[in-house]
Amino acid sequence: MKQGLYVHIPFCKQICHYCDFNKVLLEGQPVDAYIRALSTEGKWRVENGRYHADTFYVGGGTPTALNSEQLQQLFLGLKKVGVYWDEMSEVTVEVNPDGVTDEQLRVLKEAGVNRLSIGVQTFDAELLQQIGRTHGAEDVERLIHRVRDQGFNNVSIDLMYALPAQTDEQWKATVEKAISLDPDHISAYGLKIEPKTQFHNWKKAGKLTPVDEDEEADMYEWLIQRLADAGFLQYEISNFSKPNKESLHNLLYWENEPYLALGAGSHGYMDGSRYSNIGRSLTI
């Protein structure tokens, strides 16, 4: 039986207009104390003092909002309390296309990270601005070249479709650009306007009109065929990969395998029951 580990980093330098995940603006936050609290929670949750992660996923928020020293302490702190992984484990970290330094990438590599998930969403400059992203399309291309140079050979790109005012032509151009960068994996999600997001507020005020459902369905159906033609296998509703590059951590969720979850807003599944850290006040 496989088992996973999820660690949530809730800090962001910028809040995207569509995001309803557990997150806070980075400035002024007790980041170092939060990292120590993750180790404390890990020690508290691990039975018999050891927990081996076959898959390990660090999500957010924005994990790379942490500086290189904080990233290093995150991984070292977990190992110190008995949460560990090895060279056979799939270890994924979400990264933003802008602001990631070579030193951060080096720290991730040395910690055993072997898979990166890059939050792209769209390659259209106007749409990037409208959804509250801070990177440009050129940042994505530069980052992919840099991570390949650093030896990362499993790279995923996240895309979004049915964005407000997004045209069919814009969506197709984004997918074509993504394919041209030769990632190992593409995740594509249709926009859902969730409560407590800026998009939700704008929709209530009549300042945002969602894409028609039929148009969204057309975007999705075209995506499936185009990625199949490009050699990507659809193995989940929103996930497509080159052969043998599926996200093992995602599959672990789908196959109802256990996973330990650490951090504010995370959800775990251990011993046949689920638990949530939403509302939990960790001692920091």
C-alpha atoms as a PDB file:
ATOM      1  CA  MET A   1       0.000   0.000   0.000  1.00  0.00           C
ATOM      2  CA  LYS A   2       1.296   3.441  -0.960  1.00  0.00           C
ATOM      3  CA  GLN A   3       0.967   6.428   1.324  1.00  0.00           C
ATOM      4  CA  GLY A   4       1.356  10.129   0.681  1.00  0.00           C
ATOM      5  CA  LEU A   5       2.181  13.399   2.359  1.00  0.00           C
ATOM      6  CA  TYR A   6       0.688  16.821   1.672  1.00  0.00           C
ATOM      7  CA  VAL A   7       2.114  20.017   3.178  1.00  0.00           C
ATOM      8  CA  HIS A   8       0.277  23.318   2.804  1.00  0.00           C
ATOM      9  CA  ILE A   9       2.128  26.637   2.548  1.00  0.00           C
ATOM     10  CA  PRO A  10      -0.536  29.370   2.766  1.00  0.00           C
ATOM     11  CA  PHE A  11       1.625  32.399   1.946  1.00  0.00           C
ATOM     12  CA  CYS A  12       1.339  34.403  -1.277  1.00  0.00           C
ATOM     13  CA  LYS A  13       2.970  37.594  -2.479  1.00  0.00           C
ATOM     14  CA  GLN A  14      -0.179  38.329  -4.498  1.00  0.00           C
ATOM     15  CA  ILE A  15      -3.738  36.978  -4.160  1.00  0.00           C
ATOM     16  CA  CYS A  16      -5.200  35.827  -7.482  1.00  0.00           C
ATOM     17  CA  HIS A  17      -8.756  36.917  -8.200  1.00  0.00           C
ATOM     18  CA  TYR A  18     -10.076  33.358  -8.635  1.00  0.00           C
ATOM     19  CA  CYS A  19      -8.354  31.615  -5.709  1.00  0.00           C
ATOM     20  CA  ASP A  20     -10.404  30.222  -2.816  1.00  0.00           C
ATOM     21  CA  PHE A  21      -7.624  28.112  -1.271  1.00  0.00           C
ATOM     22  CA  ASN A  22      -6.414  28.805   2.250  1.00  0.00           C
ATOM     23  CA  LYS A  23      -3.952  31.676   1.784  1.00  0.00           C
ATOM     24  CA  VAL A  24      -2.711  34.965   3.247  1.00  0.00           C
ATOM     25  CA  LEU A  25      -0.499  37.738   1.963  1.00  0.00           C
ATOM     26  CA  LEU A  26       3.128  37.017   2.818  1.00  0.00           C
ATOM     27  CA  GLU A  27       4.097  40.411   4.192  1.00  0.00           C
ATOM     28  CA  GLY A  28       4.164  40.533   7.981  1.00  0.00           C
ATOM     29  CA  GLN A  29       3.362  36.844   8.462  1.00  0.00           C
ATOM     30  CA  PRO A  30       5.210  34.596  10.981  1.00  0.00           C
ATOM     31  CA  VAL A  31       6.658  32.354   8.263  1.00  0.00           C
ATOM     32  CA  ASP A  32       9.532  30.924  10.318  1.00  0.00           C
ATOM     33  CA  ALA A  33       7.174  30.091  13.169  1.00  0.00           C
ATOM     34  CA  TYR A  34       4.770  28.425  10.742  1.00  0.00           C
ATOM     35  CA  ILE A  35       7.557  26.207   9.399  1.00  0.00           C
ATOM     36  CA  ARG A  36       8.427  25.155  12.961  1.00  0.00           C
ATOM     37  CA  ALA A  37       4.743  24.438  13.587  1.00  0.00           C
ATOM     38  CA  LEU A  38       4.646  22.097  10.579  1.00  0.00           C
ATOM     39  CA  SER A  39       7.378  20.002  12.194  1.00  0.00           C
ATOM     40  CA  THR A  40       5.518  20.079  15.510  1.00  0.00           C
ATOM     41  CA  GLU A  41       2.345  18.850  13.840  1.00  0.00           C
ATOM     42  CA  GLY A  42       4.295  16.195  11.961  1.00  0.00           C
ATOM     43  CA  LYS A  43       5.747  14.874  15.197  1.00  0.00           C
ATOM     44  CA  TRP A  44       2.286  14.888  16.805  1.00  0.00           C
ATOM     45  CA  ARG A  45       0.600  13.029  13.931  1.00  0.00           C
ATOM     46  CA  VAL A  46       3.288  10.427  13.198  1.00  0.00           C
ATOM     47  CA  GLU A  47       2.782   7.149  15.022  1.00  0.00           C
ATOM     48  CA  ASN A  48       5.827   5.128  16.124  1.00  0.00           C
ATOM     49  CA  GLY A  49       8.076   8.053  15.243  1.00  0.00           C
ATOM     50  CA  ARG A  50       8.433   7.310  11.492  1.00  0.00           C
ATOM     51  CA  TYR A  51       6.354   8.035   8.391  1.00  0.00           C
ATOM     52  CA  HIS A  52       7.582   7.206   4.896  1.00  0.00           C
ATOM     53  CA  ALA A  53       6.022   9.205   2.050  1.00  0.00           C
ATOM     54  CA  ASP A  54       5.831   7.410  -1.292  1.00  0.00           C
ATOM     55  CA  THR A  55       4.466  10.662  -2.720  1.00  0.00           C
ATOM     56  CA  PHE A  56       5.028  14.096  -1.222  1.00  0.00           C
ATOM     57  CA  TYR A  57       3.284  17.240  -2.472  1.00  0.00           C
ATOM     58  CA  VAL A  58       3.949  20.792  -1.269  1.00  0.00           C
ATOM     59  CA  GLY A  59       1.109  23.095  -2.311  1.00  0.00           C
ATOM     60  CA  GLY A  60      -0.374  26.434  -1.425  1.00  0.00           C
ATOM     61  CA  GLY A  61      -0.642  29.287  -1.466  1.00  0.00           C
ATOM     62  CA  THR A  62       2.755  29.711  -3.001  1.00  0.00           C
ATOM     63  CA  PRO A  63       5.474  27.420  -1.627  1.00  0.00           C
ATOM     64  CA  THR A  64       8.162  29.400  -3.433  1.00  0.00           C
ATOM     65  CA  ALA A  65       7.096  32.505  -1.511  1.00  0.00           C
ATOM     66  CA  LEU A  66       9.452  30.990   1.082  1.00  0.00           C
ATOM     67  CA  ASN A  67      13.068  31.991   0.672  1.00  0.00           C
ATOM     68  CA  SER A  68      15.790  29.381   0.166  1.00  0.00           C
ATOM     69  CA  GLU A  69      16.646  29.156   3.873  1.00  0.00           C
ATOM     70  CA  GLN A  70      12.990  28.702   4.815  1.00  0.00           C
ATOM     71  CA  LEU A  71      12.532  26.007   2.167  1.00  0.00           C
ATOM     72  CA  GLN A  72      15.568  24.194   3.515  1.00  0.00           C
ATOM     73  CA  GLN A  73      14.229  24.376   7.071  1.00  0.00           C
ATOM     74  CA  LEU A  74      10.865  23.041   5.892  1.00  0.00           C
ATOM     75  CA  PHE A  75      12.376  19.821   4.546  1.00  0.00           C
ATOM     76  CA  LEU A  76      14.982  19.404   7.299  1.00  0.00           C
ATOM     77  CA  GLY A  77      12.380  19.969  10.002  1.00  0.00           C
ATOM     78  CA  LEU A  78      10.109  17.248   8.660  1.00  0.00           C
ATOM     79  CA  LYS A  79      12.930  14.724   8.455  1.00  0.00           C
ATOM     80  CA  LYS A  80      14.007  15.597  11.985  1.00  0.00           C
ATOM     81  CA  VAL A  81      10.619  14.502  13.377  1.00  0.00           C
ATOM     82  CA  GLY A  82      10.534  11.247  11.393  1.00  0.00           C
ATOM     83  CA  VAL A  83       8.661  12.265   8.243  1.00  0.00           C
ATOM     84  CA  TYR A  84      10.846  11.065   5.403  1.00  0.00           C
ATOM     85  CA  TRP A  85      11.042  10.159   1.723  1.00  0.00           C
ATOM     86  CA  ASP A  86      13.683   8.580  -0.487  1.00  0.00           C
ATOM     87  CA  GLU A  87      14.955   8.582  -4.069  1.00  0.00           C
ATOM     88  CA  MET A  88      12.023   6.389  -5.147  1.00  0.00           C
ATOM     89  CA  SER A  89       9.427   8.841  -3.830  1.00  0.00           C
ATOM     90  CA  GLU A  90       7.696  11.355  -6.084  1.00  0.00           C
ATOM     91  CA  VAL A  91       8.267  14.779  -4.483  1.00  0.00           C
ATOM     92  CA  THR A  92       6.381  17.703  -6.047  1.00  0.00           C
ATOM     93  CA  VAL A  93       6.504  21.412  -5.241  1.00  0.00           C
ATOM     94  CA  GLU A  94       4.238  24.058  -6.749  1.00  0.00           C
ATOM     95  CA  VAL A  95       6.159  27.035  -8.121  1.00  0.00           C
ATOM     96  CA  ASN A  96       5.199  30.373  -9.600  1.00  0.00           C
ATOM     97  CA  PRO A  97       6.876  31.352 -12.880  1.00  0.00           C
ATOM     98  CA  ASP A  98       8.300  34.597 -11.496  1.00  0.00           C
ATOM     99  CA  GLY A  99      10.571  35.216  -8.534  1.00  0.00           C
ATOM    100  CA  VAL A 100      12.068  31.725  -8.262  1.00  0.00           C
ATOM    101  CA  THR A 101      15.814  31.934  -7.734  1.00  0.00           C
ATOM    102  CA  ASP A 102      18.487  29.445  -8.751  1.00  0.00           C
ATOM    103  CA  GLU A 103      19.301  29.054  -5.057  1.00  0.00           C
ATOM    104  CA  GLN A 104      15.714  28.024  -4.314  1.00  0.00           C
ATOM    105  CA  LEU A 105      15.837  25.480  -7.120  1.00  0.00           C
ATOM    106  CA  ARG A 106      19.134  24.130  -5.779  1.00  0.00           C
ATOM    107  CA  VAL A 107      17.625  23.738  -2.297  1.00  0.00           C
ATOM    108  CA  LEU A 108      14.625  21.907  -3.728  1.00  0.00           C
ATOM    109  CA  LYS A 109      16.841  19.587  -5.739  1.00  0.00           C
ATOM    110  CA  GLU A 110      19.034  18.769  -2.732  1.00  0.00           C
ATOM    111  CA  ALA A 111      15.926  18.099  -0.624  1.00  0.00           C
ATOM    112  CA  GLY A 112      14.863  15.367  -3.064  1.00  0.00           C
ATOM    113  CA  VAL A 113      12.254  17.308  -5.033  1.00  0.00           C
ATOM    114  CA  ASN A 114      11.985  15.644  -8.445  1.00  0.00           C
ATOM    115  CA  ARG A 115       8.784  17.131  -9.844  1.00  0.00           C
ATOM    116  CA  LEU A 116       7.702  20.762 -10.266  1.00  0.00           C
ATOM    117  CA  SER A 117       4.187  22.036 -10.920  1.00  0.00           C
ATOM    118  CA  ILE A 118       4.239  25.490 -12.523  1.00  0.00           C
ATOM    119  CA  GLY A 119       1.175  27.720 -12.135  1.00  0.00           C
ATOM    120  CA  VAL A 120       0.826  29.232 -15.609  1.00  0.00           C
ATOM    121  CA  GLN A 121      -2.982  29.498 -16.101  1.00  0.00           C
ATOM    122  CA  THR A 122      -2.686  31.367 -19.418  1.00  0.00           C
ATOM    123  CA  PHE A 123      -0.054  32.731 -21.785  1.00  0.00           C
ATOM    124  CA  ASP A 124      -2.221  35.709 -22.730  1.00  0.00           C
ATOM    125  CA  ALA A 125      -0.808  38.917 -21.197  1.00  0.00           C
ATOM    126  CA  GLU A 126      -4.200  40.640 -20.918  1.00  0.00           C
ATOM    127  CA  LEU A 127      -5.832  37.651 -19.242  1.00  0.00           C
ATOM    128  CA  LEU A 128      -2.917  37.238 -16.831  1.00  0.00           C
ATOM    129  CA  GLN A 129      -3.476  40.785 -15.639  1.00  0.00           C
ATOM    130  CA  GLN A 130      -7.238  40.312 -15.389  1.00  0.00           C
ATOM    131  CA  ILE A 131      -6.945  37.233 -13.147  1.00  0.00           C
ATOM    132  CA  GLY A 132      -4.390  38.850 -10.853  1.00  0.00           C
ATOM    133  CA  ARG A 133      -1.242  36.973 -11.873  1.00  0.00           C
ATOM    134  CA  THR A 134       2.123  38.751 -11.630  1.00  0.00           C
ATOM    135  CA  HIS A 135       4.160  36.811 -14.183  1.00  0.00           C
ATOM    136  CA  GLY A 136       4.460  37.165 -17.932  1.00  0.00           C
ATOM    137  CA  ALA A 137       4.422  34.473 -20.594  1.00  0.00           C
ATOM    138  CA  GLU A 138       8.164  34.903 -21.089  1.00  0.00           C
ATOM    139  CA  ASP A 139       8.770  34.071 -17.396  1.00  0.00           C
ATOM    140  CA  VAL A 140       7.331  30.595 -17.947  1.00  0.00           C
ATOM    141  CA  GLU A 141       9.617  29.798 -20.842  1.00  0.00           C
ATOM    142  CA  ARG A 142      12.675  31.058 -18.958  1.00  0.00           C
ATOM    143  CA  LEU A 143      11.753  29.041 -15.853  1.00  0.00           C
ATOM    144  CA  ILE A 144      11.272  25.810 -17.798  1.00  0.00           C
ATOM    145  CA  HIS A 145      14.706  26.191 -19.382  1.00  0.00           C
ATOM    146  CA  ARG A 146      16.222  26.906 -15.949  1.00  0.00           C
ATOM    147  CA  VAL A 147      14.640  23.918 -14.202  1.00  0.00           C
ATOM    148  CA  ARG A 148      15.682  21.613 -17.034  1.00  0.00           C
ATOM    149  CA  ASP A 149      19.229  22.921 -16.666  1.00  0.00           C
ATOM    150  CA  GLN A 150      19.041  22.168 -12.932  1.00  0.00           C
ATOM    151  CA  GLY A 151      18.180  18.544 -13.701  1.00  0.00           C
ATOM    152  CA  PHE A 152      14.422  18.471 -13.094  1.00  0.00           C
ATOM    153  CA  ASN A 153      13.028  15.989 -15.614  1.00  0.00           C
ATOM    154  CA  ASN A 154       9.390  15.960 -14.517  1.00  0.00           C
ATOM    155  CA  VAL A 155       7.675  19.302 -15.085  1.00  0.00           C
ATOM    156  CA  SER A 156       3.944  20.016 -15.038  1.00  0.00           C
ATOM    157  CA  ILE A 157       2.086  23.105 -16.248  1.00  0.00           C
ATOM    158  CA  ASP A 158      -1.260  24.253 -14.812  1.00  0.00           C
ATOM    159  CA  LEU A 159      -3.702  25.953 -17.188  1.00  0.00           C
ATOM    160  CA  MET A 160      -7.182  27.459 -16.768  1.00  0.00           C
ATOM    161  CA  TYR A 161      -9.958  27.873 -19.298  1.00  0.00           C
ATOM    162  CA  ALA A 162     -13.363  29.591 -19.310  1.00  0.00           C
ATOM    163  CA  LEU A 163     -11.741  32.663 -17.800  1.00  0.00           C
ATOM    164  CA  PRO A 164     -13.891  35.813 -17.974  1.00  0.00           C
ATOM    165  CA  ALA A 165     -13.920  37.177 -21.534  1.00  0.00           C
ATOM    166  CA  GLN A 166     -11.508  34.458 -22.689  1.00  0.00           C
ATOM    167  CA  THR A 167     -12.022  33.682 -26.350  1.00  0.00           C
ATOM    168  CA  ASP A 168     -11.672  30.343 -28.065  1.00  0.00           C
ATOM    169  CA  GLU A 169      -8.673  31.729 -29.953  1.00  0.00           C
ATOM    170  CA  GLN A 170      -6.947  32.789 -26.735  1.00  0.00           C
ATOM    171  CA  TRP A 171      -7.458  29.358 -25.216  1.00  0.00           C
ATOM    172  CA  LYS A 172      -6.129  27.537 -28.252  1.00  0.00           C
ATOM    173  CA  ALA A 173      -3.082  29.818 -28.376  1.00  0.00           C
ATOM    174  CA  THR A 174      -2.342  29.068 -24.699  1.00  0.00           C
ATOM    175  CA  VAL A 175      -2.562  25.311 -25.222  1.00  0.00           C
ATOM    176  CA  GLU A 176      -0.352  25.472 -28.319  1.00  0.00           C
ATOM    177  CA  LYS A 177       2.240  27.487 -26.408  1.00  0.00           C
ATOM    178  CA  ALA A 178       2.154  24.998 -23.539  1.00  0.00           C
ATOM    179  CA  ILE A 179       2.699  22.076 -25.922  1.00  0.00           C
ATOM    180  CA  SER A 180       5.619  23.891 -27.576  1.00  0.00           C
ATOM    181  CA  LEU A 181       7.444  24.083 -24.219  1.00  0.00           C
ATOM    182  CA  ASP A 182       7.401  20.264 -24.036  1.00  0.00           C
ATOM    183  CA  PRO A 183       6.232  19.743 -20.435  1.00  0.00           C
ATOM    184  CA  ASP A 184       5.815  16.227 -19.098  1.00  0.00           C
ATOM    185  CA  HIS A 185       2.346  16.913 -17.703  1.00  0.00           C
ATOM    186  CA  ILE A 186      -0.469  19.413 -18.198  1.00  0.00           C
ATOM    187  CA  SER A 187      -3.326  20.088 -15.791  1.00  0.00           C
ATOM    188  CA  ALA A 188      -6.239  22.127 -17.144  1.00  0.00           C
ATOM    189  CA  TYR A 189      -9.096  23.394 -14.997  1.00  0.00           C
ATOM    190  CA  GLY A 190     -12.288  25.170 -15.949  1.00  0.00           C
ATOM    191  CA  LEU A 191     -12.823  28.303 -13.872  1.00  0.00           C
ATOM    192  CA  LYS A 192     -15.261  28.004 -10.991  1.00  0.00           C
ATOM    193  CA  ILE A 193     -16.229  31.285  -9.387  1.00  0.00           C
ATOM    194  CA  GLU A 194     -16.135  30.526  -5.684  1.00  0.00           C
ATOM    195  CA  PRO A 195     -17.430  32.584  -2.722  1.00  0.00           C
ATOM    196  CA  LYS A 196     -14.937  34.858  -0.950  1.00  0.00           C
ATOM    197  CA  THR A 197     -12.955  35.518  -4.124  1.00  0.00           C
ATOM    198  CA  GLN A 198     -12.561  38.785  -5.997  1.00  0.00           C
ATOM    199  CA  PHE A 199     -14.258  37.214  -9.022  1.00  0.00           C
ATOM    200  CA  HIS A 200     -17.282  36.351  -6.875  1.00  0.00           C
ATOM    201  CA  ASN A 201     -17.514  39.940  -5.643  1.00  0.00           C
ATOM    202  CA  TRP A 202     -17.300  41.272  -9.195  1.00  0.00           C
ATOM    203  CA  LYS A 203     -19.936  38.813 -10.398  1.00  0.00           C
ATOM    204  CA  LYS A 204     -22.339  39.894  -7.637  1.00  0.00           C
ATOM    205  CA  ALA A 205     -21.746  43.520  -8.600  1.00  0.00           C
ATOM    206  CA  GLY A 206     -22.455  42.773 -12.266  1.00  0.00           C
ATOM    207  CA  LYS A 207     -18.863  43.540 -13.266  1.00  0.00           C
ATOM    208  CA  LEU A 208     -18.006  40.023 -14.466  1.00  0.00           C
ATOM    209  CA  THR A 209     -19.777  37.749 -16.910  1.00  0.00           C
ATOM    210  CA  PRO A 210     -18.784  34.058 -16.855  1.00  0.00           C
ATOM    211  CA  VAL A 211     -18.090  32.211 -20.085  1.00  0.00           C
ATOM    212  CA  ASP A 212     -21.125  30.385 -21.439  1.00  0.00           C
ATOM    213  CA  GLU A 213     -21.282  26.708 -20.381  1.00  0.00           C
ATOM    214  CA  ASP A 214     -21.429  25.510 -23.982  1.00  0.00           C
ATOM    215  CA  GLU A 215     -18.329  27.531 -24.815  1.00  0.00           C
ATOM    216  CA  GLU A 216     -16.568  26.052 -21.804  1.00  0.00           C
ATOM    217  CA  ALA A 217     -17.522  22.532 -22.918  1.00  0.00           C
ATOM    218  CA  ASP A 218     -16.180  23.243 -26.403  1.00  0.00           C
ATOM    219  CA  MET A 219     -12.863  24.424 -24.920  1.00  0.00           C
ATOM    220  CA  TYR A 220     -12.575  21.247 -22.871  1.00  0.00           C
ATOM    221  CA  GLU A 221     -13.448  18.898 -25.732  1.00  0.00           C
ATOM    222  CA  TRP A 222     -10.947  20.607 -28.036  1.00  0.00           C
ATOM    223  CA  LEU A 223      -8.291  20.355 -25.310  1.00  0.00           C
ATOM    224  CA  ILE A 224      -8.756  16.594 -24.983  1.00  0.00           C
ATOM    225  CA  GLN A 225      -8.326  16.002 -28.695  1.00  0.00           C
ATOM    226  CA  ARG A 226      -5.419  18.439 -29.117  1.00  0.00           C
ATOM    227  CA  LEU A 227      -3.417  16.996 -26.237  1.00  0.00           C
ATOM    228  CA  ALA A 228      -4.080  13.460 -27.452  1.00  0.00           C
ATOM    229  CA  ASP A 229      -2.693  14.459 -30.852  1.00  0.00           C
ATOM    230  CA  ALA A 230       0.362  15.883 -29.061  1.00  0.00           C
ATOM    231  CA  GLY A 231       1.049  12.609 -27.243  1.00  0.00           C
ATOM    232  CA  PHE A 232      -0.543  13.358 -23.877  1.00  0.00           C
ATOM    233  CA  LEU A 233      -2.633  10.675 -22.185  1.00  0.00           C
ATOM    234  CA  GLN A 234      -5.712  11.787 -20.270  1.00  0.00           C
ATOM    235  CA  TYR A 235      -5.650   9.818 -17.026  1.00  0.00           C
ATOM    236  CA  GLU A 236      -7.992  12.001 -14.953  1.00  0.00           C
ATOM    237  CA  ILE A 237     -10.682  14.560 -15.701  1.00  0.00           C
ATOM    238  CA  SER A 238      -8.273  17.507 -15.708  1.00  0.00           C
ATOM    239  CA  ASN A 239      -4.875  15.839 -16.004  1.00  0.00           C
ATOM    240  CA  PHE A 240      -2.859  14.829 -19.042  1.00  0.00           C
ATOM    241  CA  SER A 241       0.632  13.372 -19.161  1.00  0.00           C
ATOM    242  CA  LYS A 242       3.312  11.989 -21.376  1.00  0.00           C
ATOM    243  CA  PRO A 243       3.661   8.192 -20.949  1.00  0.00           C
ATOM    244  CA  ASN A 244       4.754   7.248 -17.416  1.00  0.00           C
ATOM    245  CA  LYS A 245       4.630  10.861 -16.240  1.00  0.00           C
ATOM    246  CA  GLU A 246       1.309  10.756 -14.423  1.00  0.00           C
ATOM    247  CA  SER A 247       1.197  12.500 -11.062  1.00  0.00           C
ATOM    248  CA  LEU A 248       1.517   9.610  -8.622  1.00  0.00           C
ATOM    249  CA  HIS A 249       0.294  11.841  -5.821  1.00  0.00           C
ATOM    250  CA  ASN A 250      -2.899  12.679  -7.708  1.00  0.00           C
ATOM    251  CA  LEU A 251      -3.454   9.000  -8.417  1.00  0.00           C
ATOM    252  CA  LEU A 252      -3.019   8.241  -4.732  1.00  0.00           C
ATOM    253  CA  TYR A 253      -6.000  10.497  -3.997  1.00  0.00           C
ATOM    254  CA  TRP A 254      -8.115   8.878  -6.685  1.00  0.00           C
ATOM    255  CA  GLU A 255      -7.226   5.387  -5.517  1.00  0.00           C
ATOM    256  CA  ASN A 256      -8.263   6.214  -1.934  1.00  0.00           C
ATOM    257  CA  GLU A 257      -4.832   5.553  -0.466  1.00  0.00           C
ATOM    258  CA  PRO A 258      -3.878   7.131   2.887  1.00  0.00           C
ATOM    259  CA  TYR A 259      -2.030  10.425   3.104  1.00  0.00           C
ATOM    260  CA  LEU A 260      -0.769  12.555   5.944  1.00  0.00           C
ATOM    261  CA  ALA A 261      -1.580  16.261   5.618  1.00  0.00           C
ATOM    262  CA  LEU A 262       0.187  19.033   7.494  1.00  0.00           C
ATOM    263  CA  GLY A 263      -0.514  22.737   7.682  1.00  0.00           C
ATOM    264  CA  ALA A 264      -3.399  25.154   8.019  1.00  0.00           C
ATOM    265  CA  GLY A 265      -6.292  24.328   5.702  1.00  0.00           C
ATOM    266  CA  SER A 266      -5.014  20.880   4.741  1.00  0.00           C
ATOM    267  CA  HIS A 267      -7.033  17.651   4.593  1.00  0.00           C
ATOM    268  CA  GLY A 268      -5.651  14.218   5.421  1.00  0.00           C
ATOM    269  CA  TYR A 269      -6.890  10.630   5.156  1.00  0.00           C
ATOM    270  CA  MET A 270      -5.440   8.169   7.635  1.00  0.00           C
ATOM    271  CA  ASP A 271      -6.660   4.845   9.032  1.00  0.00           C
ATOM    272  CA  GLY A 272      -9.801   4.962   6.897  1.00  0.00           C
ATOM    273  CA  SER A 273     -10.987   8.352   8.115  1.00  0.00           C
ATOM    274  CA  ARG A 274     -10.522  11.914   6.977  1.00  0.00           C
ATOM    275  CA  TYR A 275      -9.384  14.853   9.057  1.00  0.00           C
ATOM    276  CA  SER A 276      -9.141  18.568   8.396  1.00  0.00           C
ATOM    277  CA  ASN A 277      -6.884  21.309   9.714  1.00  0.00           C
ATOM    278  CA  ILE A 278      -9.358  24.029   8.740  1.00  0.00           C
ATOM    279  CA  GLY A 279      -9.932  26.178  11.778  1.00  0.00           C
ATOM    280  CA  ARG A 280      -7.121  24.524  13.713  1.00  0.00           C
ATOM    281  CA  SER A 281      -4.879  26.965  15.532  1.00  0.00           C
ATOM    282  CA  LEU A 282      -1.380  25.534  15.375  1.00  0.00           C
ATOM    283  CA  THR A 283       0.986  26.507  18.147  1.00  0.00           C
ATOM    284  CA  ILE A 284       3.615  28.721  16.583  1.00  0.00           C
END
